C-alpha atoms as a PDB file:
ATOM      1  CA  UNK A   1     146.277 128.407 130.930  1.00  0.00           C
ATOM      2  CA  UNK A   2     142.978 126.214 130.154  1.00  0.00           C
ATOM      3  CA  UNK A   3     140.366 128.538 129.030  1.00  0.00           C
ATOM      4  CA  UNK A   4     137.123 127.905 131.388  1.00  0.00           C
ATOM      5  CA  UNK A   5     134.671 128.314 128.971  1.00  0.00           C
ATOM      6  CA  UNK A   6     135.664 126.150 126.140  1.00  0.00           C
ATOM      7  CA  UNK A   7     133.956 123.384 127.613  1.00  0.00           C
ATOM      8  CA  UNK A   8     131.033 124.896 129.016  1.00  0.00           C
ATOM      9  CA  UNK A   9     127.750 124.156 127.145  1.00  0.00           C
ATOM     10  CA  UNK A  10     126.883 126.198 124.274  1.00  0.00           C
ATOM     11  CA  UNK A  11     123.756 128.915 125.180  1.00  0.00           C
ATOM     12  CA  UNK A  12     120.635 127.499 124.460  1.00  0.00           C
ATOM     13  CA  UNK A  13     117.041 129.139 124.101  1.00  0.00           C
ATOM     14  CA  UNK A  14     113.613 127.460 124.299  1.00  0.00           C
ATOM     15  CA  UNK A  15     111.244 127.517 121.025  1.00  0.00           C
ATOM     16  CA  UNK A  16     107.774 126.354 121.395  1.00  0.00           C
ATOM     17  CA  UNK A  17     105.513 126.100 117.998  1.00  0.00           C
ATOM     18  CA  UNK A  18     103.259 123.785 116.023  1.00  0.00           C
ATOM     19  CA  UNK A  19     103.648 121.223 113.346  1.00  0.00           C
ATOM     20  CA  UNK A  20     101.293 120.343 110.895  1.00  0.00           C
ATOM     21  CA  UNK A  21     100.289 116.437 110.895  1.00  0.00           C
ATOM     22  CA  UNK A  22      97.503 116.157 108.380  1.00  0.00           C
ATOM     23  CA  UNK A  23      94.548 117.950 109.899  1.00  0.00           C
ATOM     24  CA  UNK A  24      95.933 118.948 112.857  1.00  0.00           C
ATOM     25  CA  UNK A  25      98.808 120.487 114.926  1.00  0.00           C
ATOM     26  CA  UNK A  26     101.193 119.103 117.085  1.00  0.00           C
ATOM     27  CA  UNK A  27     102.397 121.044 119.412  1.00  0.00           C
ATOM     28  CA  UNK A  28     106.237 120.727 119.714  1.00  0.00           C
ATOM     29  CA  UNK A  29     109.357 122.626 121.542  1.00  0.00           C
ATOM     30  CA  UNK A  30     113.281 122.057 121.051  1.00  0.00           C
ATOM     31  CA  UNK A  31     116.420 123.450 122.700  1.00  0.00           C
ATOM     32  CA  UNK A  32     117.432 126.036 120.081  1.00  0.00           C
ATOM     33  CA  UNK A  33     121.714 127.362 119.915  1.00  0.00           C
ATOM     34  CA  UNK A  34     121.306 130.916 120.993  1.00  0.00           C
ATOM     35  CA  UNK A  35     123.890 132.104 118.289  1.00  0.00           C
ATOM     36  CA  UNK A  36     124.652 131.954 114.973  1.00  0.00           C
ATOM     37  CA  UNK A  37     123.934 128.551 113.149  1.00  0.00           C
ATOM     38  CA  UNK A  38     123.388 127.009 110.293  1.00  0.00           C
ATOM     39  CA  UNK A  39     120.270 124.368 108.814  1.00  0.00           C
ATOM     40  CA  UNK A  40     122.694 121.600 108.914  1.00  0.00           C
ATOM     41  CA  UNK A  41     123.818 122.705 112.587  1.00  0.00           C
ATOM     42  CA  UNK A  42     120.269 122.398 113.277  1.00  0.00           C
ATOM     43  CA  UNK A  43     119.708 118.867 111.952  1.00  0.00           C
ATOM     44  CA  UNK A  44     119.851 117.222 115.471  1.00  0.00           C
ATOM     45  CA  UNK A  45     116.460 119.189 116.205  1.00  0.00           C
ATOM     46  CA  UNK A  46     115.122 118.416 112.498  1.00  0.00           C
ATOM     47  CA  UNK A  47     115.953 114.683 113.773  1.00  0.00           C
ATOM     48  CA  UNK A  48     114.121 114.615 116.857  1.00  0.00           C
ATOM     49  CA  UNK A  49     110.813 116.755 115.256  1.00  0.00           C
ATOM     50  CA  UNK A  50     110.806 113.879 112.788  1.00  0.00           C
ATOM     51  CA  UNK A  51     110.900 111.030 115.390  1.00  0.00           C
ATOM     52  CA  UNK A  52     107.636 112.988 117.218  1.00  0.00           C
ATOM     53  CA  UNK A  53     106.039 112.512 113.942  1.00  0.00           C
ATOM     54  CA  UNK A  54     106.849 109.157 113.107  1.00  0.00           C
ATOM     55  CA  UNK A  55     106.223 108.215 116.864  1.00  0.00           C
ATOM     56  CA  UNK A  56     102.598 109.341 116.616  1.00  0.00           C
ATOM     57  CA  UNK A  57     102.265 107.604 112.932  1.00  0.00           C
ATOM     58  CA  UNK A  58     103.821 104.554 114.294  1.00  0.00           C
ATOM     59  CA  UNK A  59     101.171 104.929 117.371  1.00  0.00           C
ATOM     60  CA  UNK A  60      98.093 105.086 115.064  1.00  0.00           C
ATOM     61  CA  UNK A  61      99.087 102.530 112.713  1.00  0.00           C
ATOM     62  CA  UNK A  62      99.020 100.305 116.134  1.00  0.00           C
ATOM     63  CA  UNK A  63      96.015 101.382 117.033  1.00  0.00           C
ATOM     64  CA  UNK A  64      94.899 100.924 113.794  1.00  0.00           C
ATOM     65  CA  UNK A  65      95.867  97.161 113.403  1.00  0.00           C
ATOM     66  CA  UNK A  66      98.548  97.348 111.395  1.00  0.00           C
ATOM     67  CA  UNK A  67     101.664  98.195 112.988  1.00  0.00           C
ATOM     68  CA  UNK A  68     104.899  99.088 111.843  1.00  0.00           C
ATOM     69  CA  UNK A  69     106.956  95.596 110.539  1.00  0.00           C
ATOM     70  CA  UNK A  70     110.059  97.659 110.193  1.00  0.00           C
ATOM     71  CA  UNK A  71     112.798  96.008 112.422  1.00  0.00           C
ATOM     72  CA  UNK A  72     116.458  96.000 113.025  1.00  0.00           C
ATOM     73  CA  UNK A  73     117.697  93.424 110.668  1.00  0.00           C
ATOM     74  CA  UNK A  74     115.546  93.355 107.626  1.00  0.00           C
ATOM     75  CA  UNK A  75     117.795  95.564 105.676  1.00  0.00           C
ATOM     76  CA  UNK A  76     115.854  94.948 102.229  1.00  0.00           C
ATOM     77  CA  UNK A  77     114.998  98.491 101.952  1.00  0.00           C
ATOM     78  CA  UNK A  78     118.708  99.645 102.157  1.00  0.00           C
ATOM     79  CA  UNK A  79     119.304  98.561  98.946  1.00  0.00           C
ATOM     80  CA  UNK A  80     116.777 101.408  96.834  1.00  0.00           C
ATOM     81  CA  UNK A  81     118.115 104.559  96.241  1.00  0.00           C
ATOM     82  CA  UNK A  82     118.950 107.204  99.115  1.00  0.00           C
ATOM     83  CA  UNK A  83     117.829 110.676  98.551  1.00  0.00           C
ATOM     84  CA  UNK A  84     120.232 112.619 100.970  1.00  0.00           C
ATOM     85  CA  UNK A  85     119.651 116.651 100.968  1.00  0.00           C
ATOM     86  CA  UNK A  86     122.612 118.362 100.938  1.00  0.00           C
ATOM     87  CA  UNK A  87     122.523 119.435 104.452  1.00  0.00           C
ATOM     88  CA  UNK A  88     122.502 115.948 105.620  1.00  0.00           C
ATOM     89  CA  UNK A  89     125.175 115.301 103.068  1.00  0.00           C
ATOM     90  CA  UNK A  90     127.465 117.905 104.509  1.00  0.00           C
ATOM     91  CA  UNK A  91     126.340 116.808 108.285  1.00  0.00           C
ATOM     92  CA  UNK A  92     127.623 112.996 107.651  1.00  0.00           C
ATOM     93  CA  UNK A  93     130.688 114.468 105.557  1.00  0.00           C
ATOM     94  CA  UNK A  94     131.668 116.086 108.505  1.00  0.00           C
ATOM     95  CA  UNK A  95     131.225 112.831 110.604  1.00  0.00           C
ATOM     96  CA  UNK A  96     133.065 110.781 108.503  1.00  0.00           C
ATOM     97  CA  UNK A  97     136.258 113.202 108.563  1.00  0.00           C
ATOM     98  CA  UNK A  98     135.763 112.746 112.320  1.00  0.00           C
ATOM     99  CA  UNK A  99     136.185 108.946 111.947  1.00  0.00           C
ATOM    100  CA  UNK A 100     139.406 106.957 112.807  1.00  0.00           C
ATOM    101  CA  UNK A 101     141.197 106.964 109.946  1.00  0.00           C
ATOM    102  CA  UNK A 102     141.198 103.406 109.716  1.00  0.00           C
ATOM    103  CA  UNK A 103     137.357 103.420 109.799  1.00  0.00           C
ATOM    104  CA  UNK A 104     137.345 106.356 107.108  1.00  0.00           C
ATOM    105  CA  UNK A 105     139.333 104.070 104.922  1.00  0.00           C
ATOM    106  CA  UNK A 106     136.705 101.128 105.306  1.00  0.00           C
ATOM    107  CA  UNK A 107     133.714 103.377 104.490  1.00  0.00           C
ATOM    108  CA  UNK A 108     135.589 104.563 101.341  1.00  0.00           C
ATOM    109  CA  UNK A 109     136.066 100.703 100.229  1.00  0.00           C
ATOM    110  CA  UNK A 110     132.252 100.369 100.784  1.00  0.00           C
ATOM    111  CA  UNK A 111     131.522 103.523  98.660  1.00  0.00           C
ATOM    112  CA  UNK A 112     133.853 102.394  95.851  1.00  0.00           C
ATOM    113  CA  UNK A 113     132.429  98.984  96.319  1.00  0.00           C
ATOM    114  CA  UNK A 114     128.412  99.990  95.784  1.00  0.00           C
ATOM    115  CA  UNK A 115     129.612 102.284  92.675  1.00  0.00           C
ATOM    116  CA  UNK A 116     131.301  99.398  91.201  1.00  0.00           C
ATOM    117  CA  UNK A 117     128.025  97.339  91.419  1.00  0.00           C
ATOM    118  CA  UNK A 118     125.744 100.488  90.133  1.00  0.00           C
ATOM    119  CA  UNK A 119     128.065 100.968  87.252  1.00  0.00           C
ATOM    120  CA  UNK A 120     128.175  97.391  85.960  1.00  0.00           C
ATOM    121  CA  UNK A 121     124.524  97.228  86.048  1.00  0.00           C
ATOM    122  CA  UNK A 122     124.630 100.517  83.770  1.00  0.00           C
ATOM    123  CA  UNK A 123     122.501 102.210  86.564  1.00  0.00           C
ATOM    124  CA  UNK A 124     125.107 104.885  87.486  1.00  0.00           C
ATOM    125  CA  UNK A 125     125.073 106.271  83.813  1.00  0.00           C
ATOM    126  CA  UNK A 126     121.246 106.451  83.902  1.00  0.00           C
ATOM    127  CA  UNK A 127     121.368 108.498  87.244  1.00  0.00           C
ATOM    128  CA  UNK A 128     124.010 111.223  85.800  1.00  0.00           C
ATOM    129  CA  UNK A 129     120.947 111.524  82.958  1.00  0.00           C
ATOM    130  CA  UNK A 130     118.505 113.841  83.689  1.00  0.00           C
ATOM    131  CA  UNK A 131     115.304 113.182  81.665  1.00  0.00           C
ATOM    132  CA  UNK A 132     115.006 110.831  84.964  1.00  0.00           C
ATOM    133  CA  UNK A 133     114.153 113.952  87.201  1.00  0.00           C
ATOM    134  CA  UNK A 134     111.253 115.455  85.925  1.00  0.00           C
ATOM    135  CA  UNK A 135     109.277 111.953  84.369  1.00  0.00           C
ATOM    136  CA  UNK A 136     107.317 109.736  86.808  1.00  0.00           C
ATOM    137  CA  UNK A 137     107.665 106.746  84.412  1.00  0.00           C
ATOM    138  CA  UNK A 138     111.703 107.359  84.032  1.00  0.00           C
ATOM    139  CA  UNK A 139     112.051 108.106  88.077  1.00  0.00           C
ATOM    140  CA  UNK A 140     109.879 104.699  88.700  1.00  0.00           C
ATOM    141  CA  UNK A 141     112.167 102.610  86.436  1.00  0.00           C
ATOM    142  CA  UNK A 142     115.556 103.909  87.499  1.00  0.00           C
ATOM    143  CA  UNK A 143     114.359 102.846  91.127  1.00  0.00           C
ATOM    144  CA  UNK A 144     113.173  99.732  89.781  1.00  0.00           C
ATOM    145  CA  UNK A 145     116.512  99.001  88.226  1.00  0.00           C
ATOM    146  CA  UNK A 146     118.438 100.660  91.727  1.00  0.00           C
ATOM    147  CA  UNK A 147     116.913  98.041  93.423  1.00  0.00           C
ATOM    148  CA  UNK A 148     117.707  95.184  91.207  1.00  0.00           C
ATOM    149  CA  UNK A 149     121.262  95.996  90.894  1.00  0.00           C
ATOM    150  CA  UNK A 150     121.616  94.551  94.555  1.00  0.00           C
ATOM    151  CA  UNK A 151     123.695  97.158  95.714  1.00  0.00           C
ATOM    152  CA  UNK A 152     123.620  97.497  99.653  1.00  0.00           C
ATOM    153  CA  UNK A 153     124.022 101.171 101.365  1.00  0.00           C
ATOM    154  CA  UNK A 154     127.277 101.165 102.489  1.00  0.00           C
ATOM    155  CA  UNK A 155     126.652 102.006 105.738  1.00  0.00           C
ATOM    156  CA  UNK A 156     124.694  98.521 106.065  1.00  0.00           C
ATOM    157  CA  UNK A 157     126.066  96.399 108.649  1.00  0.00           C
ATOM    158  CA  UNK A 158     124.690  92.715 109.095  1.00  0.00           C
ATOM    159  CA  UNK A 159     121.252  93.859 107.727  1.00  0.00           C
ATOM    160  CA  UNK A 160     121.216  96.955 110.072  1.00  0.00           C
ATOM    161  CA  UNK A 161     121.903 100.521 109.956  1.00  0.00           C
ATOM    162  CA  UNK A 162     125.336 101.390 110.842  1.00  0.00           C
ATOM    163  CA  UNK A 163     124.320 105.274 111.520  1.00  0.00           C
ATOM    164  CA  UNK A 164     121.101 104.500 113.019  1.00  0.00           C
ATOM    165  CA  UNK A 165     120.845 107.436 114.953  1.00  0.00           C
ATOM    166  CA  UNK A 166     121.766 109.652 112.380  1.00  0.00           C
ATOM    167  CA  UNK A 167     120.759 108.149 109.309  1.00  0.00           C
ATOM    168  CA  UNK A 168     118.840 110.558 106.590  1.00  0.00           C
ATOM    169  CA  UNK A 169     114.925 111.629 106.895  1.00  0.00           C
ATOM    170  CA  UNK A 170     113.889 109.988 104.021  1.00  0.00           C
ATOM    171  CA  UNK A 171     115.221 106.601 105.688  1.00  0.00           C
ATOM    172  CA  UNK A 172     112.872 107.391 108.539  1.00  0.00           C
ATOM    173  CA  UNK A 173     110.329 107.797 106.542  1.00  0.00           C
ATOM    174  CA  UNK A 174     109.781 104.942 104.740  1.00  0.00           C
ATOM    175  CA  UNK A 175     107.638 102.842 106.632  1.00  0.00           C
ATOM    176  CA  UNK A 176     105.436  99.610 105.841  1.00  0.00           C
ATOM    177  CA  UNK A 177     102.870  97.410 107.225  1.00  0.00           C
ATOM    178  CA  UNK A 178     103.150  94.932 105.229  1.00  0.00           C
ATOM    179  CA  UNK A 179     105.220  91.224 106.030  1.00  0.00           C
ATOM    180  CA  UNK A 180     108.729  92.060 105.733  1.00  0.00           C
ATOM    181  CA  UNK A 181     109.424  89.216 103.107  1.00  0.00           C
ATOM    182  CA  UNK A 182     108.022  91.482 100.601  1.00  0.00           C
ATOM    183  CA  UNK A 183     110.116  93.685 100.822  1.00  0.00           C
ATOM    184  CA  UNK A 184     112.591  91.469  98.866  1.00  0.00           C
ATOM    185  CA  UNK A 185     111.410  92.861  95.674  1.00  0.00           C
ATOM    186  CA  UNK A 186     108.912  96.082  95.454  1.00  0.00           C
ATOM    187  CA  UNK A 187     108.475  95.876  91.955  1.00  0.00           C
ATOM    188  CA  UNK A 188     106.950  92.819  92.299  1.00  0.00           C
ATOM    189  CA  UNK A 189     105.258  92.248  95.802  1.00  0.00           C
ATOM    190  CA  UNK A 190     102.156  95.079  97.111  1.00  0.00           C
ATOM    191  CA  UNK A 191     104.180  96.968  99.756  1.00  0.00           C
ATOM    192  CA  UNK A 192     101.775  98.828 102.047  1.00  0.00           C
ATOM    193  CA  UNK A 193     103.492 101.942 102.640  1.00  0.00           C
ATOM    194  CA  UNK A 194     102.880 104.014 105.620  1.00  0.00           C
ATOM    195  CA  UNK A 195     101.596 107.506 103.370  1.00  0.00           C
ATOM    196  CA  UNK A 196     103.217 110.272 106.063  1.00  0.00           C
ATOM    197  CA  UNK A 197     100.854 113.498 106.399  1.00  0.00           C
ATOM    198  CA  UNK A 198     104.335 115.440 106.106  1.00  0.00           C
ATOM    199  CA  UNK A 199     107.781 114.809 105.225  1.00  0.00           C
ATOM    200  CA  UNK A 200     110.487 116.908 106.743  1.00  0.00           C
ATOM    201  CA  UNK A 201     112.921 115.548 103.984  1.00  0.00           C
ATOM    202  CA  UNK A 202     110.536 117.351 101.600  1.00  0.00           C
ATOM    203  CA  UNK A 203     111.517 120.392 103.417  1.00  0.00           C
ATOM    204  CA  UNK A 204     115.314 119.921 102.894  1.00  0.00           C
ATOM    205  CA  UNK A 205     114.823 119.215  99.193  1.00  0.00           C
ATOM    206  CA  UNK A 206     112.833 122.354  98.417  1.00  0.00           C
ATOM    207  CA  UNK A 207     115.779 124.523 100.213  1.00  0.00           C
ATOM    208  CA  UNK A 208     118.409 122.370  98.224  1.00  0.00           C
ATOM    209  CA  UNK A 209     116.084 123.307  95.124  1.00  0.00           C
ATOM    210  CA  UNK A 210     117.103 126.541  95.940  1.00  0.00           C
ATOM    211  CA  UNK A 211     120.293 126.671  96.072  1.00  0.00           C
ATOM    212  CA  UNK A 212     121.692 124.634  93.380  1.00  0.00           C
ATOM    213  CA  UNK A 213     118.696 125.505  90.919  1.00  0.00           C
ATOM    214  CA  UNK A 214     118.105 122.211  90.655  1.00  0.00           C
ATOM    215  CA  UNK A 215     114.867 119.992  90.315  1.00  0.00           C
ATOM    216  CA  UNK A 216     115.812 117.763  93.159  1.00  0.00           C
ATOM    217  CA  UNK A 217     117.447 119.293  95.745  1.00  0.00           C
ATOM    218  CA  UNK A 218     119.426 116.216  96.437  1.00  0.00           C
ATOM    219  CA  UNK A 219     122.009 113.544  96.522  1.00  0.00           C
ATOM    220  CA  UNK A 220     121.998 110.116  96.244  1.00  0.00           C
ATOM    221  CA  UNK A 221     123.424 108.829  99.284  1.00  0.00           C
ATOM    222  CA  UNK A 222     125.966 106.131  97.504  1.00  0.00           C
ATOM    223  CA  UNK A 223     127.563 109.862  95.871  1.00  0.00           C
ATOM    224  CA  UNK A 224     128.013 111.352  99.260  1.00  0.00           C
ATOM    225  CA  UNK A 225     132.057 110.931  99.718  1.00  0.00           C
ATOM    226  CA  UNK A 226     132.152 112.334  96.002  1.00  0.00           C
ATOM    227  CA  UNK A 227     130.205 114.978  97.036  1.00  0.00           C
ATOM    228  CA  UNK A 228     131.984 115.808 100.386  1.00  0.00           C
ATOM    229  CA  UNK A 229     135.193 116.227  98.314  1.00  0.00           C
ATOM    230  CA  UNK A 230     134.151 119.116  96.647  1.00  0.00           C
ATOM    231  CA  UNK A 231     134.079 121.221 100.488  1.00  0.00           C
ATOM    232  CA  UNK A 232     130.467 122.678  99.670  1.00  0.00           C
ATOM    233  CA  UNK A 233     129.182 124.282 103.040  1.00  0.00           C
ATOM    234  CA  UNK A 234     125.590 124.840 101.780  1.00  0.00           C
ATOM    235  CA  UNK A 235     124.166 125.514 105.912  1.00  0.00           C
ATOM    236  CA  UNK A 236     125.608 128.427 105.135  1.00  0.00           C
ATOM    237  CA  UNK A 237     122.794 129.033 102.767  1.00  0.00           C
ATOM    238  CA  UNK A 238     119.956 128.835 105.751  1.00  0.00           C
ATOM    239  CA  UNK A 239     121.877 130.599 107.907  1.00  0.00           C
ATOM    240  CA  UNK A 240     121.236 133.025 111.448  1.00  0.00           C
ATOM    241  CA  UNK A 241     120.237 132.647 114.780  1.00  0.00           C
ATOM    242  CA  UNK A 242     118.568 129.117 116.243  1.00  0.00           C
ATOM    243  CA  UNK A 243     115.045 130.435 116.602  1.00  0.00           C
ATOM    244  CA  UNK A 244     116.124 132.644 112.796  1.00  0.00           C
ATOM    245  CA  UNK A 245     116.649 129.233 111.310  1.00  0.00           C
ATOM    246  CA  UNK A 246     114.079 126.917 112.633  1.00  0.00           C
ATOM    247  CA  UNK A 247     111.663 129.925 111.749  1.00  0.00           C
ATOM    248  CA  UNK A 248     112.868 129.581 108.083  1.00  0.00           C
ATOM    249  CA  UNK A 249     112.390 126.000 108.417  1.00  0.00           C
ATOM    250  CA  UNK A 250     109.072 125.911 109.510  1.00  0.00           C
ATOM    251  CA  UNK A 251     107.840 128.388 106.773  1.00  0.00           C
ATOM    252  CA  UNK A 252     108.773 126.618 104.288  1.00  0.00           C
ATOM    253  CA  UNK A 253     106.987 123.424 106.113  1.00  0.00           C
ATOM    254  CA  UNK A 254     103.757 125.401 106.751  1.00  0.00           C
ATOM    255  CA  UNK A 255     103.850 127.069 103.151  1.00  0.00           C
ATOM    256  CA  UNK A 256     104.503 123.644 101.701  1.00  0.00           C
ATOM    257  CA  UNK A 257     101.926 121.939 103.611  1.00  0.00           C
ATOM    258  CA  UNK A 258      99.349 124.781 102.713  1.00  0.00           C
ATOM    259  CA  UNK A 259     100.275 123.844  98.945  1.00  0.00           C
ATOM    260  CA  UNK A 260      99.606 120.360  99.089  1.00  0.00           C
ATOM    261  CA  UNK A 261      96.282 120.649 101.011  1.00  0.00           C
ATOM    262  CA  UNK A 262      95.147 122.794  98.494  1.00  0.00           C
ATOM    263  CA  UNK A 263      96.172 120.261  95.584  1.00  0.00           C
ATOM    264  CA  UNK A 264      94.088 117.884  97.111  1.00  0.00           C
ATOM    265  CA  UNK A 265      90.725 119.765  97.877  1.00  0.00           C
ATOM    266  CA  UNK A 266      90.909 120.796  94.234  1.00  0.00           C
ATOM    267  CA  UNK A 267      91.862 117.145  93.029  1.00  0.00           C
ATOM    268  CA  UNK A 268      89.002 115.915  94.729  1.00  0.00           C
ATOM    269  CA  UNK A 269      86.862 118.932  93.641  1.00  0.00           C
ATOM    270  CA  UNK A 270      87.829 117.272  90.545  1.00  0.00           C
ATOM    271  CA  UNK A 271      87.159 113.822  90.593  1.00  0.00           C
ATOM    272  CA  UNK A 272      83.372 114.643  92.307  1.00  0.00           C
ATOM    273  CA  UNK A 273      82.772 117.021  89.275  1.00  0.00           C
ATOM    274  CA  UNK A 274      83.857 113.791  86.745  1.00  0.00           C
ATOM    275  CA  UNK A 275      81.589 111.603  88.795  1.00  0.00           C
ATOM    276  CA  UNK A 276      78.864 113.694  88.783  1.00  0.00           C
ATOM    277  CA  UNK A 277      78.749 114.945  92.020  1.00  0.00           C
ATOM    278  CA  UNK A 278      77.351 118.264  93.237  1.00  0.00           C
END
């Protein structure tokens, strides 16, 4: 006998909250799972919040005369190293495993090709060393070397993202207002990137840092399939009801935003003192 509750939607609750964007707070709401959930399972809500923030940023950029120039078919940025939080890695791994076997094989070949290209360019060895994580100069050089390897993201097809609705937050947050042609080599061209008031990806990375005791808290997207074979379920580290998990996320977000604001204030005060300001 069929179970009538099997196909019924899971109960949800509506939560209303505020997001700090620059010096203002954006009021938002979301439907959350009423029962037990994890940070990984809450990703669709976080992605929607990110979309709201980026929509406001894009609107302000257009009003200021510098509209976002990123468009489908312009995949230059898809040859950079993409930081993927552990929770996004878990979700993407589950999604890939839900695909038809033939599609999974195709993606496996794409990832293998990307890893081979990076290995041949000597980039894999550099990624596996730890010193670049803590030294800004080495981090920048690694990013340049990765880009110059000309290895496309395994999910890039016809210069467009094949997983656009579920793409990592870091990809969503990379926005420019300069001509797309300049993105062909950010190491030599002056790219005018959009400075976001906050990045939700960094909140996820922060949770990952706690979980892994690692200064990154993320993995390069190109390592996704290898990471997935570990069977890790990082989402279980941040679990509870939908409201509880969102509260933990927002508390971390507000804490990081406060710390950033304090650092910027102190930096401005220091610069003012050096310039002889009163």
